[in-house]
Amino acid sequence: MDHFDHQSGHFLEIDGASLYYEVVGQETGPALVLLHGGFGDMEDFNVLVPDLARRFRVIGVDSRGHGKSTLGGAPLTYERLQGDVERLVGQLGLDRYDILGFSDGGIVAYRMAARDSSAIRRLVTVGAHWELREDDPVREILSKVTAESWRAKFPSTYDSYQRLNPEPDFDAFAGAVVRMWLDAGPSGYPGDAVEKISCRSLIARGEDDHLASRDQISESARRIRGATALTIPGAGHAAFQDQPALFLRSLSEFLE
């Protein structure tokens, strides 16, 4: 199998939610965990997975509430998503692994990599904030998102959610995601904790990303010791989808 299909995976029960995951690629290859963005699911990475599966044991997971994973009754936070992924990698017995996180998935990856006991060997983020200050204009953009506005602007992601989710309630799900985005407490963005990240790191953004500014990504690279900042020309927020060949080339060089 060289792609995610939402048919060949498994569920892991965690704190009142069923977490869906799939493993594709080389069984004995180095592990690479992929974490998608808000309102997305693991299939968002299928533009990359066939290439990555030639070398890696690729693990895809639908974040709590997304795709085939249920939301559960507890508040949705980056801290909770972090705990979910850490439980999953423990279940899979991954002593060392690489991680690629997009947007919300990148924020979770930052939190994971900042832990003293982190088993992450190499970290790649795309369009991911390490903090969201109160005066950041992106906060206002995110605060205006509603279930209705998302359905109207991104109908394909809504259709995927309705098709995949075992317990669909898009209004409740959308509200939970927006509250997570706006969380300014310790369960939210990692903030200064990114300075504790010691693994090799590649911090990427699309040239035209309206959510993750060039200054934000540059600051991330400055705060993370030895990190490399990467700008993907001709790409927006989902840079790996907009320019998959360019992104894969840079990613392959970094993961060599």
Protein backbone atom coordinates (compact mmCIF):
# COMPACT_ATOMS: atom_id res chain seq x y z
CA MET A 1 0.00 0.00 0.00
CA ASP A 2 1.40 3.40 -1.00
CA HIS A 3 -1.40 5.75 0.05
CA PHE A 4 -3.99 6.32 2.76
CA ASP A 5 -7.48 5.04 1.94
CA HIS A 6 -9.50 5.13 5.20
CA GLN A 7 -10.17 1.43 4.78
CA SER A 8 -7.04 -0.46 5.81
CA GLY A 9 -6.41 1.12 9.22
CA HIS A 10 -7.12 0.54 12.89
CA PHE A 11 -8.69 2.31 15.85
CA LEU A 12 -7.07 3.11 19.18
CA GLU A 13 -9.34 3.98 22.09
CA ILE A 14 -7.97 6.99 23.99
CA ASP A 15 -9.73 8.99 26.70
CA GLY A 16 -13.25 8.63 25.36
CA ALA A 17 -12.37 8.91 21.67
CA SER A 18 -11.57 6.42 18.91
CA LEU A 19 -8.39 7.44 17.10
CA TYR A 20 -8.07 6.13 13.54
CA TYR A 21 -4.65 5.47 12.01
CA GLU A 22 -3.02 3.72 9.07
CA VAL A 23 0.50 2.43 8.43
CA VAL A 24 1.80 2.15 4.85
CA GLY A 25 5.13 1.79 3.09
CA GLN A 26 8.20 -0.13 4.21
CA GLU A 27 7.59 -2.30 7.28
CA THR A 28 11.27 -2.21 8.24
CA GLY A 29 11.92 1.38 7.13
CA PRO A 30 12.42 4.37 9.42
CA ALA A 31 9.14 5.63 10.88
CA LEU A 32 7.63 8.88 9.63
CA VAL A 33 4.51 10.24 11.35
CA LEU A 34 2.27 12.61 9.37
CA LEU A 35 -0.04 15.06 11.18
CA HIS A 36 -2.62 16.94 9.11
CA GLY A 37 -4.16 20.38 9.61
CA GLY A 38 -7.45 21.61 11.03
CA PHE A 39 -10.64 20.26 9.37
CA GLY A 40 -8.46 17.88 7.31
CA ASP A 41 -7.53 14.22 7.50
CA MET A 42 -4.64 11.90 6.62
CA GLU A 43 -5.62 11.72 2.94
CA ASP A 44 -4.47 15.33 2.58
CA PHE A 45 -0.94 13.88 2.44
CA ASN A 46 -1.62 11.50 -0.44
CA VAL A 47 0.20 13.84 -2.83
CA LEU A 48 3.36 12.88 -0.89
CA VAL A 49 2.74 9.39 0.45
CA PRO A 50 3.56 7.30 -2.67
CA ASP A 51 7.06 8.81 -2.75
CA LEU A 52 7.58 8.63 1.00
CA ALA A 53 6.31 5.04 1.18
CA ARG A 54 9.22 3.86 -0.98
CA ARG A 55 11.60 4.55 1.89
CA PHE A 56 9.64 5.02 5.10
CA ARG A 57 7.17 3.26 7.31
CA VAL A 58 4.59 6.03 7.02
CA ILE A 59 2.05 6.49 9.83
CA GLY A 60 -1.00 8.61 9.20
CA VAL A 61 -3.48 9.53 11.91
CA ASP A 62 -6.79 11.38 11.82
CA SER A 63 -6.64 13.89 14.67
CA ARG A 64 -9.33 13.61 17.32
CA GLY A 65 -12.68 14.63 15.79
CA HIS A 66 -11.28 14.69 12.25
CA GLY A 67 -11.73 12.14 9.49
CA LYS A 68 -12.57 8.75 10.99
CA SER A 69 -11.56 9.69 14.54
CA THR A 70 -14.31 10.59 16.99
CA LEU A 71 -14.25 13.81 19.01
CA GLY A 72 -15.03 12.43 22.45
CA GLY A 73 -16.41 14.53 25.27
CA ALA A 74 -13.31 16.35 26.48
CA PRO A 75 -12.28 19.81 25.19
CA LEU A 76 -10.21 19.74 22.01
CA THR A 77 -6.77 21.24 22.62
CA TYR A 78 -3.31 20.99 21.12
CA GLU A 79 -2.21 19.40 24.37
CA ARG A 80 -4.84 16.69 23.98
CA LEU A 81 -3.86 16.04 20.36
CA GLN A 82 -0.25 15.80 21.49
CA GLY A 83 -1.23 13.19 24.07
CA ASP A 84 -3.17 11.22 21.47
CA VAL A 85 -0.21 11.04 19.09
CA GLU A 86 2.21 10.16 21.88
CA ARG A 87 -0.07 7.32 22.95
CA LEU A 88 -0.22 6.10 19.36
CA VAL A 89 3.55 6.08 18.81
CA GLY A 90 3.88 4.24 22.11
CA GLN A 91 1.31 1.70 20.98
CA LEU A 92 3.29 1.19 17.78
CA GLY A 93 6.54 0.80 19.69
CA LEU A 94 8.35 3.65 17.94
CA ASP A 95 11.56 4.34 19.85
CA ARG A 96 12.73 6.93 17.32
CA TYR A 97 10.80 8.53 14.48
CA ASP A 98 10.57 11.52 12.16
CA ILE A 99 7.50 13.73 12.12
CA LEU A 100 5.90 16.00 9.52
CA GLY A 101 3.12 18.29 10.69
CA PHE A 102 1.03 20.70 8.65
CA SER A 103 -0.61 23.72 10.31
CA ASP A 104 -2.39 22.35 13.42
CA GLY A 105 -0.38 19.15 12.98
CA GLY A 106 2.80 21.21 13.02
CA ILE A 107 1.77 22.90 16.26
CA VAL A 108 1.25 19.47 17.81
CA ALA A 109 4.63 18.37 16.44
CA TYR A 110 6.31 21.42 18.03
CA ARG A 111 4.79 20.51 21.40
CA MET A 112 5.96 16.91 21.06
CA ALA A 113 9.50 17.86 20.00
CA ALA A 114 9.84 20.31 22.90
CA ARG A 115 9.47 17.57 25.50
CA ASP A 116 12.63 16.55 27.34
CA SER A 117 11.87 12.90 26.63
CA SER A 118 11.04 13.43 22.95
CA ALA A 119 11.81 10.48 20.66
CA ILE A 120 11.60 12.65 17.54
CA ARG A 121 14.69 12.38 15.38
CA ARG A 122 13.80 14.96 12.72
CA LEU A 123 11.00 17.54 12.71
CA VAL A 124 9.33 19.12 9.68
CA THR A 125 6.52 21.66 9.95
CA VAL A 126 4.56 23.44 7.22
CA GLY A 127 2.62 26.64 7.87
CA ALA A 128 2.65 26.10 11.64
CA HIS A 129 2.57 28.79 14.34
CA TRP A 130 4.64 28.39 17.49
CA GLU A 131 2.57 31.13 19.14
CA LEU A 132 -0.46 33.28 18.36
CA ARG A 133 -0.25 36.62 20.12
CA GLU A 134 -3.40 38.49 21.14
CA ASP A 135 -2.64 41.23 18.58
CA ASP A 136 -1.84 38.84 15.73
CA PRO A 137 -4.25 39.60 12.84
CA VAL A 138 -4.53 35.85 12.18
CA ARG A 139 -6.38 35.52 15.49
CA GLU A 140 -9.19 37.68 14.13
CA ILE A 141 -9.35 35.60 10.93
CA LEU A 142 -9.62 32.37 12.91
CA SER A 143 -12.18 33.77 15.35
CA LYS A 144 -14.62 34.45 12.50
CA VAL A 145 -14.69 30.84 11.29
CA THR A 146 -18.01 29.06 11.87
CA ALA A 147 -19.42 25.73 10.75
CA GLU A 148 -21.57 27.58 8.22
CA SER A 149 -18.72 29.66 6.79
CA TRP A 150 -16.45 26.62 6.53
CA ARG A 151 -19.10 24.57 4.72
CA ALA A 152 -19.59 27.38 2.24
CA LYS A 153 -15.90 27.98 1.57
CA PHE A 154 -14.55 24.42 1.74
CA PRO A 155 -17.42 22.09 0.79
CA SER A 156 -15.10 19.21 -0.11
CA THR A 157 -13.67 19.01 3.42
CA TYR A 158 -17.19 19.09 4.83
CA ASP A 159 -18.26 16.29 2.49
CA SER A 160 -15.23 14.22 3.52
CA TYR A 161 -16.03 14.73 7.18
CA GLN A 162 -19.65 13.68 6.71
CA ARG A 163 -18.59 10.61 4.73
CA LEU A 164 -15.85 9.44 7.08
CA ASN A 165 -16.76 10.39 10.62
CA PRO A 166 -18.51 7.70 12.70
CA GLU A 167 -20.25 10.31 14.86
CA PRO A 168 -20.70 13.37 12.63
CA ASP A 169 -21.72 16.64 14.26
CA PHE A 170 -20.06 19.32 12.16
CA ASP A 171 -21.36 22.26 14.18
CA ALA A 172 -19.91 20.88 17.42
CA PHE A 173 -16.70 19.85 15.67
CA ALA A 174 -16.15 23.27 14.07
CA GLY A 175 -16.72 25.03 17.38
CA ALA A 176 -14.20 22.76 19.08
CA VAL A 177 -11.56 23.42 16.42
CA VAL A 178 -11.98 27.21 16.59
CA ARG A 179 -11.72 27.17 20.39
CA MET A 180 -8.49 25.19 20.04
CA TRP A 181 -7.12 27.74 17.58
CA LEU A 182 -7.83 30.59 20.00
CA ASP A 183 -6.53 28.87 23.14
CA ALA A 184 -3.99 31.22 24.73
CA GLY A 185 -3.29 28.99 27.73
CA PRO A 186 -0.73 26.25 28.42
CA SER A 187 -2.82 23.68 26.55
CA GLY A 188 -2.45 25.70 23.34
CA TYR A 189 0.55 26.91 21.35
CA PRO A 190 4.00 25.86 22.63
CA GLY A 191 5.37 29.42 22.81
CA ASP A 192 8.84 29.76 24.28
CA ALA A 193 9.00 25.99 24.80
CA VAL A 194 10.12 25.64 21.15
CA GLU A 195 13.54 26.78 22.35
CA LYS A 196 13.88 23.36 24.01
CA ILE A 197 13.65 21.55 20.66
CA SER A 198 16.99 19.91 19.94
CA CYS A 199 16.27 17.61 16.99
CA ARG A 200 17.07 18.56 13.40
CA SER A 201 14.25 20.80 12.20
CA LEU A 202 12.93 22.09 8.88
CA ILE A 203 10.40 24.95 9.18
CA ALA A 204 8.54 25.48 5.90
CA ARG A 205 5.89 27.84 4.58
CA GLY A 206 4.37 28.70 1.24
CA GLU A 207 5.46 31.99 -0.26
CA ASP A 208 1.84 33.20 -0.30
CA ASP A 209 0.72 31.73 3.02
CA HIS A 210 -1.74 34.23 4.55
CA LEU A 211 -1.86 32.44 7.91
CA ALA A 212 1.81 31.78 8.67
CA SER A 213 3.82 34.92 7.91
CA ARG A 214 7.44 34.98 6.81
CA ASP A 215 8.38 36.71 10.07
CA GLN A 216 6.58 34.05 12.12
CA ILE A 217 8.42 31.20 10.37
CA SER A 218 11.76 33.02 10.52
CA GLU A 219 11.29 33.56 14.24
CA SER A 220 10.56 29.84 14.67
CA ALA A 221 13.80 28.96 12.91
CA ARG A 222 15.73 31.42 15.08
CA ARG A 223 14.33 30.05 18.30
CA ILE A 224 14.90 26.39 17.43
CA ARG A 225 18.60 25.67 17.59
CA GLY A 226 20.02 24.74 14.18
CA ALA A 227 16.65 24.86 12.40
CA THR A 228 16.37 25.61 8.70
CA ALA A 229 13.65 27.88 7.30
CA LEU A 230 12.25 27.00 3.89
CA THR A 231 10.00 29.06 1.62
CA ILE A 232 8.13 27.20 -1.15
CA PRO A 233 7.60 29.57 -4.11
CA GLY A 234 4.19 29.77 -5.71
CA ALA A 235 2.47 28.08 -2.78
CA GLY A 236 -0.08 29.06 -0.17
CA HIS A 237 -0.86 27.67 3.26
CA ALA A 238 -0.92 24.03 2.12
CA ALA A 239 2.47 24.38 0.42
CA PHE A 240 3.05 20.64 0.11
CA GLN A 241 -0.17 20.32 -1.91
CA ASP A 242 0.35 23.44 -4.03
CA GLN A 243 3.92 22.54 -5.02
CA PRO A 244 4.35 18.83 -4.21
CA ALA A 245 7.41 18.26 -6.44
CA LEU A 246 9.30 21.22 -4.97
CA PHE A 247 8.34 20.29 -1.45
CA LEU A 248 9.27 16.62 -1.90
CA ARG A 249 12.67 17.57 -3.25
CA SER A 250 13.45 19.69 -0.18
CA LEU A 251 11.95 17.13 2.16
CA SER A 252 13.97 14.26 0.66
CA GLU A 253 17.19 16.25 0.97
CA PHE A 254 16.42 17.03 4.61
CA LEU A 255 15.55 13.42 5.47
CA GLU A 256 18.60 11.89 3.80
